[in-house]
Amino acid sequence: MDRRHEILVAANQSFTLFGYKATTMEQVAKMANVGKGTIYTFFQNKDILFQEIVMTMIGDMKKQAEQSIDSSASFLDNAHKILMNLLEFREVHKLYAKLVEEENALRTPQVENVLIKIEHEIITFIASKIEIAINKNEIKPCNSEHVAYLLFKAYLAFVVEWPHTHAEELDELTIAELFKNTLFGGLTP
């Protein structure tokens, strides 16, 4: 593993455990088992390191979703496959959950900006897939951005929020079936 990657892994762990505000470059250096100066050879500051982690997370999720798509399958089948693959990213979502928690408690501007960026990127991606399905007459005409927002927020509610208020997490199949039988079903003609 190269040094840059080790730093990214350690920083991701630190941001996930402690949040943006409580994470320090010293902490990341210790977790990565590198000198603090080594971090600065790759990343000018904590903000740039944080942005790199977040953009990598978004890119990985988009890549995973794109790889799930079968052009010969229906929108509902593809949506189900994408959802199942994204549910495998639950560990990554812990970083997102920590950021939401920090934003609610501390109103950290850097975290607020990143959360807005994450939401925008994901909703734009989902909306583009909805537009394709509308053009193929696979789903009813709708405001793709509104539906994308609804799907994104419902997904987060089950993956991030549900475990905080209930005794156990919902398994992937249960969440996928909920989406299939309610939200996705309501989109089909």
N, C-alpha and C. Protein backbone atom coordinates (compact mmCIF):
# COMPACT_ATOMS: atom_id res chain seq x y z
N MET A 1 0.85 -1.17 0.00
CA MET A 1 0.00 0.00 0.00
C MET A 1 0.90 1.24 0.00
N ASP A 2 0.55 2.23 -0.81
CA ASP A 2 1.38 3.44 -0.85
C ASP A 2 1.00 4.41 0.26
N ARG A 3 1.88 5.33 0.54
CA ARG A 3 1.71 6.29 1.65
C ARG A 3 0.44 7.12 1.50
N ARG A 4 0.19 7.59 0.31
CA ARG A 4 -0.98 8.43 0.07
C ARG A 4 -2.26 7.66 0.43
N HIS A 5 -2.31 6.43 -0.03
CA HIS A 5 -3.48 5.60 0.25
C HIS A 5 -3.61 5.33 1.76
N GLU A 6 -2.49 5.06 2.42
CA GLU A 6 -2.51 4.84 3.88
C GLU A 6 -3.05 6.06 4.61
N ILE A 7 -2.66 7.23 4.15
CA ILE A 7 -3.15 8.47 4.75
C ILE A 7 -4.64 8.62 4.53
N LEU A 8 -5.11 8.34 3.33
CA LEU A 8 -6.54 8.44 3.04
C LEU A 8 -7.36 7.47 3.89
N VAL A 9 -6.87 6.25 4.04
CA VAL A 9 -7.57 5.26 4.87
C VAL A 9 -7.64 5.74 6.32
N ALA A 10 -6.51 6.20 6.84
CA ALA A 10 -6.46 6.68 8.23
C ALA A 10 -7.35 7.91 8.41
N ALA A 11 -7.32 8.83 7.48
CA ALA A 11 -8.15 10.03 7.58
C ALA A 11 -9.63 9.68 7.52
N ASN A 12 -9.97 8.75 6.65
CA ASN A 12 -11.37 8.31 6.56
C ASN A 12 -11.82 7.73 7.89
N GLN A 13 -10.98 6.90 8.50
CA GLN A 13 -11.31 6.32 9.81
C GLN A 13 -11.46 7.41 10.85
N SER A 14 -10.57 8.37 10.85
CA SER A 14 -10.61 9.44 11.84
C SER A 14 -11.86 10.30 11.67
N PHE A 15 -12.15 10.71 10.43
CA PHE A 15 -13.35 11.51 10.19
C PHE A 15 -14.61 10.73 10.57
N THR A 16 -14.62 9.43 10.31
CA THR A 16 -15.78 8.60 10.63
C THR A 16 -15.95 8.47 12.14
N LEU A 17 -14.86 8.29 12.86
CA LEU A 17 -14.93 8.13 14.31
C LEU A 17 -15.17 9.44 15.05
N PHE A 18 -14.46 10.49 14.64
CA PHE A 18 -14.44 11.72 15.43
C PHE A 18 -15.12 12.91 14.77
N GLY A 19 -15.41 12.81 13.48
CA GLY A 19 -15.98 13.94 12.77
C GLY A 19 -14.91 14.84 12.20
N TYR A 20 -15.35 15.83 11.48
CA TYR A 20 -14.41 16.74 10.83
C TYR A 20 -13.67 17.60 11.85
N LYS A 21 -14.43 18.24 12.72
CA LYS A 21 -13.85 19.21 13.65
C LYS A 21 -12.82 18.59 14.59
N ALA A 22 -13.12 17.39 15.09
CA ALA A 22 -12.24 16.74 16.08
C ALA A 22 -11.05 16.01 15.44
N THR A 23 -11.07 15.85 14.15
CA THR A 23 -9.94 15.19 13.47
C THR A 23 -8.81 16.20 13.27
N THR A 24 -7.61 15.77 13.62
CA THR A 24 -6.43 16.61 13.41
C THR A 24 -5.46 15.89 12.49
N MET A 25 -4.58 16.65 11.90
CA MET A 25 -3.56 16.05 11.04
C MET A 25 -2.62 15.17 11.86
N GLU A 26 -2.37 15.53 13.11
CA GLU A 26 -1.54 14.71 13.99
C GLU A 26 -2.18 13.34 14.21
N GLN A 27 -3.48 13.37 14.43
CA GLN A 27 -4.24 12.13 14.65
C GLN A 27 -4.15 11.23 13.41
N VAL A 28 -4.36 11.83 12.25
CA VAL A 28 -4.30 11.08 11.00
C VAL A 28 -2.90 10.50 10.81
N ALA A 29 -1.88 11.30 11.11
CA ALA A 29 -0.49 10.82 10.97
C ALA A 29 -0.25 9.61 11.87
N LYS A 30 -0.72 9.66 13.10
CA LYS A 30 -0.55 8.52 14.02
C LYS A 30 -1.28 7.29 13.49
N MET A 31 -2.51 7.49 13.04
CA MET A 31 -3.30 6.36 12.54
C MET A 31 -2.69 5.76 11.28
N ALA A 32 -2.06 6.60 10.46
CA ALA A 32 -1.45 6.13 9.22
C ALA A 32 -0.02 5.64 9.44
N ASN A 33 0.48 5.88 10.65
CA ASN A 33 1.85 5.51 11.00
C ASN A 33 2.86 6.20 10.08
N VAL A 34 2.63 7.51 9.88
CA VAL A 34 3.53 8.34 9.10
C VAL A 34 3.79 9.63 9.87
N GLY A 35 4.80 10.35 9.48
CA GLY A 35 5.06 11.65 10.07
C GLY A 35 4.05 12.66 9.56
N LYS A 36 3.76 13.65 10.38
CA LYS A 36 2.80 14.69 9.99
C LYS A 36 3.23 15.37 8.69
N GLY A 37 4.54 15.58 8.53
CA GLY A 37 5.05 16.21 7.31
C GLY A 37 4.74 15.41 6.06
N THR A 38 4.67 14.09 6.21
CA THR A 38 4.36 13.22 5.06
C THR A 38 2.96 13.53 4.53
N ILE A 39 2.04 13.80 5.44
CA ILE A 39 0.68 14.12 5.02
C ILE A 39 0.69 15.37 4.15
N TYR A 40 1.46 16.37 4.58
CA TYR A 40 1.50 17.64 3.86
C TYR A 40 2.19 17.54 2.50
N THR A 41 2.91 16.46 2.24
CA THR A 41 3.48 16.28 0.91
C THR A 41 2.38 15.89 -0.10
N PHE A 42 1.29 15.34 0.42
CA PHE A 42 0.18 14.92 -0.44
C PHE A 42 -1.03 15.86 -0.36
N PHE A 43 -1.26 16.45 0.80
CA PHE A 43 -2.45 17.27 1.04
C PHE A 43 -2.05 18.56 1.76
N GLN A 44 -2.40 19.70 1.18
CA GLN A 44 -1.99 20.98 1.76
C GLN A 44 -2.55 21.22 3.15
N ASN A 45 -3.78 20.75 3.38
CA ASN A 45 -4.42 20.98 4.68
C ASN A 45 -5.55 19.97 4.90
N LYS A 46 -6.16 20.06 6.05
CA LYS A 46 -7.23 19.12 6.42
C LYS A 46 -8.42 19.24 5.48
N ASP A 47 -8.76 20.46 5.05
CA ASP A 47 -9.89 20.64 4.14
C ASP A 47 -9.69 19.89 2.83
N ILE A 48 -8.49 19.98 2.28
CA ILE A 48 -8.21 19.29 1.02
C ILE A 48 -8.25 17.78 1.21
N LEU A 49 -7.71 17.31 2.30
CA LEU A 49 -7.75 15.88 2.62
C LEU A 49 -9.21 15.41 2.76
N PHE A 50 -9.99 16.19 3.47
CA PHE A 50 -11.41 15.88 3.68
C PHE A 50 -12.16 15.83 2.34
N GLN A 51 -11.94 16.83 1.49
CA GLN A 51 -12.58 16.87 0.17
C GLN A 51 -12.22 15.64 -0.66
N GLU A 52 -10.95 15.24 -0.60
CA GLU A 52 -10.49 14.07 -1.35
C GLU A 52 -11.25 12.81 -0.90
N ILE A 53 -11.41 12.65 0.38
CA ILE A 53 -12.11 11.48 0.91
C ILE A 53 -13.56 11.48 0.46
N VAL A 54 -14.20 12.62 0.56
CA VAL A 54 -15.61 12.72 0.20
C VAL A 54 -15.81 12.49 -1.30
N MET A 55 -14.98 13.11 -2.13
CA MET A 55 -15.14 12.94 -3.57
C MET A 55 -14.82 11.50 -4.00
N THR A 56 -13.88 10.87 -3.33
CA THR A 56 -13.59 9.46 -3.61
C THR A 56 -14.79 8.60 -3.25
N MET A 57 -15.42 8.89 -2.11
CA MET A 57 -16.60 8.15 -1.68
C MET A 57 -17.71 8.28 -2.72
N ILE A 58 -17.96 9.50 -3.18
CA ILE A 58 -19.00 9.72 -4.18
C ILE A 58 -18.65 8.99 -5.48
N GLY A 59 -17.42 9.11 -5.90
CA GLY A 59 -16.98 8.44 -7.14
C GLY A 59 -17.12 6.93 -7.05
N ASP A 60 -16.74 6.37 -5.91
CA ASP A 60 -16.86 4.92 -5.73
C ASP A 60 -18.32 4.46 -5.78
N MET A 61 -19.19 5.25 -5.16
CA MET A 61 -20.60 4.88 -5.16
C MET A 61 -21.18 4.97 -6.57
N LYS A 62 -20.84 6.01 -7.31
CA LYS A 62 -21.32 6.14 -8.69
C LYS A 62 -20.79 5.00 -9.55
N LYS A 63 -19.52 4.70 -9.40
CA LYS A 63 -18.90 3.61 -10.18
C LYS A 63 -19.61 2.28 -9.89
N GLN A 64 -19.84 2.03 -8.61
CA GLN A 64 -20.53 0.79 -8.22
C GLN A 64 -21.94 0.74 -8.83
N ALA A 65 -22.63 1.88 -8.80
CA ALA A 65 -23.98 1.92 -9.37
C ALA A 65 -23.94 1.71 -10.88
N GLU A 66 -23.02 2.37 -11.56
CA GLU A 66 -22.90 2.22 -13.02
C GLU A 66 -22.60 0.78 -13.41
N GLN A 67 -21.76 0.11 -12.64
CA GLN A 67 -21.41 -1.27 -12.94
C GLN A 67 -22.59 -2.22 -12.74
N SER A 68 -23.56 -1.80 -11.96
CA SER A 68 -24.74 -2.63 -11.70
C SER A 68 -25.75 -2.59 -12.83
N ILE A 69 -25.68 -1.56 -13.64
CA ILE A 69 -26.70 -1.34 -14.66
C ILE A 69 -26.54 -2.30 -15.82
N ASP A 70 -27.64 -2.94 -16.15
CA ASP A 70 -27.73 -3.83 -17.30
C ASP A 70 -28.65 -3.14 -18.31
N SER A 71 -28.11 -2.71 -19.43
CA SER A 71 -28.90 -1.93 -20.39
C SER A 71 -30.10 -2.69 -20.93
N SER A 72 -30.09 -4.00 -20.84
CA SER A 72 -31.24 -4.77 -21.33
C SER A 72 -32.30 -5.00 -20.25
N ALA A 73 -31.99 -4.62 -19.01
CA ALA A 73 -32.94 -4.81 -17.90
C ALA A 73 -33.82 -3.58 -17.75
N SER A 74 -34.95 -3.77 -17.07
CA SER A 74 -35.88 -2.67 -16.84
C SER A 74 -35.34 -1.72 -15.78
N PHE A 75 -35.95 -0.54 -15.71
CA PHE A 75 -35.57 0.44 -14.69
C PHE A 75 -35.70 -0.17 -13.30
N LEU A 76 -36.81 -0.85 -13.04
CA LEU A 76 -37.02 -1.43 -11.71
C LEU A 76 -35.98 -2.48 -11.37
N ASP A 77 -35.64 -3.32 -12.32
CA ASP A 77 -34.61 -4.34 -12.07
C ASP A 77 -33.26 -3.68 -11.80
N ASN A 78 -32.92 -2.67 -12.61
CA ASN A 78 -31.66 -1.97 -12.41
C ASN A 78 -31.66 -1.20 -11.09
N ALA A 79 -32.77 -0.56 -10.77
CA ALA A 79 -32.86 0.18 -9.51
C ALA A 79 -32.66 -0.77 -8.34
N HIS A 80 -33.24 -1.95 -8.42
CA HIS A 80 -33.10 -2.95 -7.35
C HIS A 80 -31.62 -3.37 -7.22
N LYS A 81 -30.97 -3.64 -8.36
CA LYS A 81 -29.56 -4.05 -8.33
C LYS A 81 -28.67 -2.93 -7.77
N ILE A 82 -28.93 -1.71 -8.21
CA ILE A 82 -28.14 -0.57 -7.72
C ILE A 82 -28.32 -0.42 -6.22
N LEU A 83 -29.56 -0.50 -5.77
CA LEU A 83 -29.83 -0.37 -4.34
C LEU A 83 -29.11 -1.45 -3.55
N MET A 84 -29.17 -2.68 -4.02
CA MET A 84 -28.49 -3.77 -3.31
C MET A 84 -26.98 -3.52 -3.25
N ASN A 85 -26.40 -3.04 -4.36
CA ASN A 85 -24.97 -2.76 -4.37
C ASN A 85 -24.62 -1.58 -3.45
N LEU A 86 -25.44 -0.55 -3.45
CA LEU A 86 -25.17 0.59 -2.57
C LEU A 86 -25.30 0.22 -1.10
N LEU A 87 -26.17 -0.72 -0.81
CA LEU A 87 -26.31 -1.15 0.58
C LEU A 87 -25.03 -1.80 1.09
N GLU A 88 -24.21 -2.29 0.17
CA GLU A 88 -22.92 -2.85 0.57
C GLU A 88 -21.95 -1.75 1.03
N PHE A 89 -22.30 -0.50 0.76
CA PHE A 89 -21.48 0.64 1.17
C PHE A 89 -21.84 1.13 2.57
N ARG A 90 -22.53 0.34 3.36
CA ARG A 90 -22.97 0.79 4.69
C ARG A 90 -21.83 1.32 5.53
N GLU A 91 -20.67 0.70 5.45
CA GLU A 91 -19.54 1.19 6.24
C GLU A 91 -19.15 2.60 5.81
N VAL A 92 -19.21 2.86 4.51
CA VAL A 92 -18.91 4.19 4.01
C VAL A 92 -19.96 5.18 4.51
N HIS A 93 -21.20 4.73 4.63
CA HIS A 93 -22.26 5.62 5.08
C HIS A 93 -22.09 6.06 6.53
N LYS A 94 -21.27 5.35 7.27
CA LYS A 94 -21.00 5.77 8.65
C LYS A 94 -20.29 7.12 8.66
N LEU A 95 -19.44 7.36 7.68
CA LEU A 95 -18.82 8.68 7.56
C LEU A 95 -19.90 9.72 7.30
N TYR A 96 -20.79 9.44 6.39
CA TYR A 96 -21.87 10.37 6.09
C TYR A 96 -22.72 10.63 7.35
N ALA A 97 -23.04 9.56 8.07
CA ALA A 97 -23.85 9.70 9.29
C ALA A 97 -23.14 10.57 10.32
N LYS A 98 -21.84 10.39 10.46
CA LYS A 98 -21.06 11.20 11.40
C LYS A 98 -21.07 12.66 10.98
N LEU A 99 -20.98 12.91 9.70
CA LEU A 99 -21.01 14.28 9.20
C LEU A 99 -22.37 14.94 9.44
N VAL A 100 -23.44 14.19 9.23
CA VAL A 100 -24.78 14.72 9.50
C VAL A 100 -24.92 15.04 10.99
N GLU A 101 -24.45 14.12 11.81
CA GLU A 101 -24.49 14.33 13.27
C GLU A 101 -23.71 15.59 13.66
N GLU A 102 -22.52 15.75 13.10
CA GLU A 102 -21.70 16.92 13.41
C GLU A 102 -22.37 18.19 12.92
N GLU A 103 -22.94 18.16 11.73
CA GLU A 103 -23.61 19.34 11.18
C GLU A 103 -24.78 19.75 12.08
N ASN A 104 -25.55 18.78 12.54
CA ASN A 104 -26.70 19.08 13.41
C ASN A 104 -26.25 19.65 14.75
N ALA A 105 -25.15 19.15 15.29
CA ALA A 105 -24.70 19.56 16.62
C ALA A 105 -23.84 20.82 16.59
N LEU A 106 -22.94 20.93 15.62
CA LEU A 106 -21.93 21.99 15.66
C LEU A 106 -22.04 23.03 14.55
N ARG A 107 -22.79 22.71 13.52
CA ARG A 107 -22.92 23.61 12.37
C ARG A 107 -21.56 24.02 11.78
N THR A 108 -20.71 23.03 11.59
CA THR A 108 -19.38 23.27 11.01
C THR A 108 -19.54 23.63 9.53
N PRO A 109 -19.08 24.81 9.11
CA PRO A 109 -19.28 25.23 7.71
C PRO A 109 -18.69 24.25 6.69
N GLN A 110 -17.50 23.70 6.95
CA GLN A 110 -16.89 22.77 6.00
C GLN A 110 -17.75 21.52 5.84
N VAL A 111 -18.33 21.06 6.93
CA VAL A 111 -19.19 19.88 6.88
C VAL A 111 -20.48 20.20 6.13
N GLU A 112 -21.05 21.35 6.41
CA GLU A 112 -22.27 21.76 5.71
C GLU A 112 -22.03 21.80 4.20
N ASN A 113 -20.92 22.38 3.79
CA ASN A 113 -20.60 22.47 2.36
C ASN A 113 -20.42 21.10 1.73
N VAL A 114 -19.77 20.19 2.44
CA VAL A 114 -19.55 18.84 1.92
C VAL A 114 -20.87 18.09 1.83
N LEU A 115 -21.72 18.22 2.81
CA LEU A 115 -23.02 17.54 2.77
C LEU A 115 -23.86 18.04 1.60
N ILE A 116 -23.81 19.33 1.35
CA ILE A 116 -24.52 19.88 0.19
C ILE A 116 -23.96 19.30 -1.10
N LYS A 117 -22.64 19.21 -1.18
CA LYS A 117 -21.98 18.66 -2.38
C LYS A 117 -22.36 17.19 -2.58
N ILE A 118 -22.32 16.41 -1.50
CA ILE A 118 -22.68 14.99 -1.59
C ILE A 118 -24.11 14.85 -2.09
N GLU A 119 -25.01 15.57 -1.45
CA GLU A 119 -26.42 15.48 -1.84
C GLU A 119 -26.61 15.88 -3.29
N HIS A 120 -26.00 16.96 -3.72
CA HIS A 120 -26.14 17.41 -5.10
C HIS A 120 -25.63 16.36 -6.08
N GLU A 121 -24.45 15.83 -5.83
CA GLU A 121 -23.86 14.83 -6.74
C GLU A 121 -24.74 13.59 -6.85
N ILE A 122 -25.22 13.11 -5.72
CA ILE A 122 -26.01 11.88 -5.74
C ILE A 122 -27.38 12.12 -6.36
N ILE A 123 -28.03 13.22 -6.01
CA ILE A 123 -29.35 13.50 -6.57
C ILE A 123 -29.26 13.72 -8.08
N THR A 124 -28.23 14.41 -8.53
CA THR A 124 -28.03 14.61 -9.97
C THR A 124 -27.84 13.27 -10.68
N PHE A 125 -27.06 12.39 -10.08
CA PHE A 125 -26.83 11.06 -10.66
C PHE A 125 -28.15 10.27 -10.75
N ILE A 126 -28.89 10.23 -9.64
CA ILE A 126 -30.16 9.48 -9.63
C ILE A 126 -31.14 10.08 -10.63
N ALA A 127 -31.24 11.40 -10.65
CA ALA A 127 -32.17 12.08 -11.56
C ALA A 127 -31.85 11.75 -13.02
N SER A 128 -30.56 11.63 -13.35
CA SER A 128 -30.19 11.30 -14.73
C SER A 128 -30.69 9.91 -15.11
N LYS A 129 -30.64 8.98 -14.17
CA LYS A 129 -31.13 7.63 -14.44
C LYS A 129 -32.66 7.61 -14.55
N ILE A 130 -33.32 8.43 -13.75
CA ILE A 130 -34.77 8.54 -13.83
C ILE A 130 -35.18 9.12 -15.18
N GLU A 131 -34.46 10.14 -15.66
CA GLU A 131 -34.76 10.73 -16.96
C GLU A 131 -34.65 9.69 -18.09
N ILE A 132 -33.64 8.85 -18.01
CA ILE A 132 -33.48 7.80 -19.01
C ILE A 132 -34.69 6.87 -18.99
N ALA A 133 -35.13 6.49 -17.79
CA ALA A 133 -36.29 5.59 -17.65
C ALA A 133 -37.56 6.27 -18.15
N ILE A 134 -37.72 7.56 -17.90
CA ILE A 134 -38.89 8.28 -18.40
C ILE A 134 -38.88 8.28 -19.93
N ASN A 135 -37.73 8.56 -20.52
CA ASN A 135 -37.61 8.59 -21.98
C ASN A 135 -37.88 7.23 -22.62
N LYS A 136 -37.63 6.17 -21.88
CA LYS A 136 -37.90 4.81 -22.38
C LYS A 136 -39.32 4.37 -22.05
N ASN A 137 -40.10 5.25 -21.43
CA ASN A 137 -41.48 4.96 -20.99
C ASN A 137 -41.54 3.81 -19.98
N GLU A 138 -40.47 3.64 -19.22
CA GLU A 138 -40.45 2.60 -18.20
C GLU A 138 -41.06 3.08 -16.88
N ILE A 139 -41.03 4.38 -16.68
CA ILE A 139 -41.68 4.96 -15.51
C ILE A 139 -42.50 6.17 -15.94
N LYS A 140 -43.45 6.54 -15.08
CA LYS A 140 -44.33 7.68 -15.37
C LYS A 140 -43.51 8.97 -15.43
N PRO A 141 -43.95 9.89 -16.29
CA PRO A 141 -43.30 11.20 -16.29
C PRO A 141 -43.41 11.83 -14.89
N CYS A 142 -42.32 12.41 -14.45
CA CYS A 142 -42.29 13.02 -13.12
C CYS A 142 -41.15 14.03 -13.08
N ASN A 143 -41.10 14.78 -12.00
CA ASN A 143 -39.97 15.67 -11.79
C ASN A 143 -38.83 14.80 -11.27
N SER A 144 -37.87 14.54 -12.12
CA SER A 144 -36.81 13.58 -11.77
C SER A 144 -35.99 14.03 -10.56
N GLU A 145 -35.79 15.32 -10.41
CA GLU A 145 -35.03 15.81 -9.26
C GLU A 145 -35.79 15.57 -7.95
N HIS A 146 -37.10 15.80 -7.97
CA HIS A 146 -37.92 15.56 -6.77
C HIS A 146 -37.91 14.09 -6.38
N VAL A 147 -38.09 13.22 -7.37
CA VAL A 147 -38.10 11.78 -7.11
C VAL A 147 -36.73 11.32 -6.63
N ALA A 148 -35.66 11.84 -7.25
CA ALA A 148 -34.30 11.49 -6.83
C ALA A 148 -34.07 11.90 -5.38
N TYR A 149 -34.54 13.07 -5.02
CA TYR A 149 -34.41 13.55 -3.63
C TYR A 149 -35.15 12.61 -2.68
N LEU A 150 -36.37 12.25 -3.04
CA LEU A 150 -37.17 11.34 -2.22
C LEU A 150 -36.47 10.00 -2.04
N LEU A 151 -35.95 9.44 -3.12
CA LEU A 151 -35.26 8.15 -3.04
C LEU A 151 -34.00 8.25 -2.17
N PHE A 152 -33.23 9.32 -2.37
CA PHE A 152 -32.01 9.53 -1.61
C PHE A 152 -32.32 9.64 -0.12
N LYS A 153 -33.29 10.47 0.23
CA LYS A 153 -33.60 10.69 1.65
C LYS A 153 -34.21 9.44 2.28
N ALA A 154 -35.02 8.71 1.54
CA ALA A 154 -35.60 7.47 2.08
C ALA A 154 -34.49 6.44 2.31
N TYR A 155 -33.58 6.35 1.37
CA TYR A 155 -32.44 5.44 1.51
C TYR A 155 -31.64 5.78 2.77
N LEU A 156 -31.31 7.05 2.94
CA LEU A 156 -30.54 7.47 4.12
C LEU A 156 -31.30 7.20 5.41
N ALA A 157 -32.60 7.40 5.37
CA ALA A 157 -33.40 7.17 6.57
C ALA A 157 -33.27 5.72 7.04
N PHE A 158 -33.31 4.79 6.12
CA PHE A 158 -33.21 3.38 6.51
C PHE A 158 -31.79 2.94 6.84
N VAL A 159 -30.81 3.47 6.12
CA VAL A 159 -29.43 3.03 6.31
C VAL A 159 -28.74 3.77 7.45
N VAL A 160 -28.98 5.07 7.58
CA VAL A 160 -28.27 5.88 8.57
C VAL A 160 -29.09 6.11 9.83
N GLU A 161 -30.35 6.50 9.68
CA GLU A 161 -31.14 6.89 10.84
C GLU A 161 -31.81 5.72 11.57
N TRP A 162 -32.33 4.78 10.84
CA TRP A 162 -33.04 3.65 11.44
C TRP A 162 -32.24 2.97 12.56
N PRO A 163 -30.98 2.63 12.34
CA PRO A 163 -30.22 1.95 13.39
C PRO A 163 -30.08 2.76 14.69
N HIS A 164 -30.20 4.08 14.62
CA HIS A 164 -30.08 4.91 15.81
C HIS A 164 -31.34 4.87 16.68
N THR A 165 -32.46 4.55 16.07
CA THR A 165 -33.72 4.59 16.82
C THR A 165 -34.38 3.22 16.98
N HIS A 166 -33.75 2.20 16.45
CA HIS A 166 -34.31 0.85 16.53
C HIS A 166 -33.23 -0.12 17.00
N ALA A 167 -33.66 -1.23 17.52
CA ALA A 167 -32.74 -2.19 18.14
C ALA A 167 -31.74 -2.79 17.16
N GLU A 168 -32.12 -2.90 15.90
CA GLU A 168 -31.20 -3.51 14.94
C GLU A 168 -31.34 -2.87 13.57
N GLU A 169 -30.30 -3.04 12.77
CA GLU A 169 -30.31 -2.54 11.39
C GLU A 169 -31.23 -3.41 10.55
N LEU A 170 -31.79 -2.81 9.51
CA LEU A 170 -32.56 -3.60 8.56
C LEU A 170 -31.58 -4.25 7.58
N ASP A 171 -31.85 -5.49 7.20
CA ASP A 171 -30.97 -6.14 6.25
C ASP A 171 -31.24 -5.61 4.84
N GLU A 172 -30.30 -5.87 3.95
CA GLU A 172 -30.36 -5.34 2.59
C GLU A 172 -31.63 -5.75 1.86
N LEU A 173 -32.02 -6.99 1.99
CA LEU A 173 -33.20 -7.48 1.27
C LEU A 173 -34.46 -6.78 1.75
N THR A 174 -34.59 -6.55 3.05
CA THR A 174 -35.76 -5.87 3.60
C THR A 174 -35.86 -4.45 3.04
N ILE A 175 -34.74 -3.73 3.04
CA ILE A 175 -34.75 -2.37 2.50
C ILE A 175 -35.08 -2.37 1.01
N ALA A 176 -34.47 -3.26 0.27
CA ALA A 176 -34.71 -3.34 -1.17
C ALA A 176 -36.18 -3.66 -1.46
N GLU A 177 -36.76 -4.57 -0.70
CA GLU A 177 -38.18 -4.92 -0.90
C GLU A 177 -39.09 -3.75 -0.56
N LEU A 178 -38.76 -3.00 0.49
CA LEU A 178 -39.54 -1.80 0.83
C LEU A 178 -39.55 -0.82 -0.33
N PHE A 179 -38.39 -0.57 -0.91
CA PHE A 179 -38.30 0.34 -2.05
C PHE A 179 -39.08 -0.21 -3.24
N LYS A 180 -38.90 -1.48 -3.52
CA LYS A 180 -39.55 -2.10 -4.68
C LYS A 180 -41.07 -2.05 -4.56
N ASN A 181 -41.57 -2.36 -3.38
CA ASN A 181 -43.02 -2.45 -3.19
C ASN A 181 -43.70 -1.11 -2.94
N THR A 182 -42.94 -0.06 -2.67
CA THR A 182 -43.56 1.24 -2.40
C THR A 182 -43.10 2.28 -3.40
N LEU A 183 -41.90 2.79 -3.22
CA LEU A 183 -41.43 3.91 -4.03
C LEU A 183 -41.27 3.55 -5.50
N PHE A 184 -40.56 2.46 -5.80
CA PHE A 184 -40.36 2.09 -7.19
C PHE A 184 -41.66 1.69 -7.86
N GLY A 185 -42.51 0.97 -7.13
CA GLY A 185 -43.79 0.53 -7.68
C GLY A 185 -44.68 1.71 -8.06
N GLY A 186 -44.59 2.80 -7.31
CA GLY A 186 -45.39 3.97 -7.60
C GLY A 186 -44.92 4.72 -8.85
N LEU A 187 -43.75 4.43 -9.33
CA LEU A 187 -43.22 5.11 -10.51
C LEU A 187 -43.62 4.43 -11.81
N THR A 188 -43.97 3.16 -11.74
CA THR A 188 -44.24 2.43 -12.97
C THR A 188 -45.63 2.73 -13.50
N PRO A 189 -45.76 2.73 -14.83
CA PRO A 189 -47.07 3.03 -15.44
C PRO A 189 -48.10 1.96 -15.18
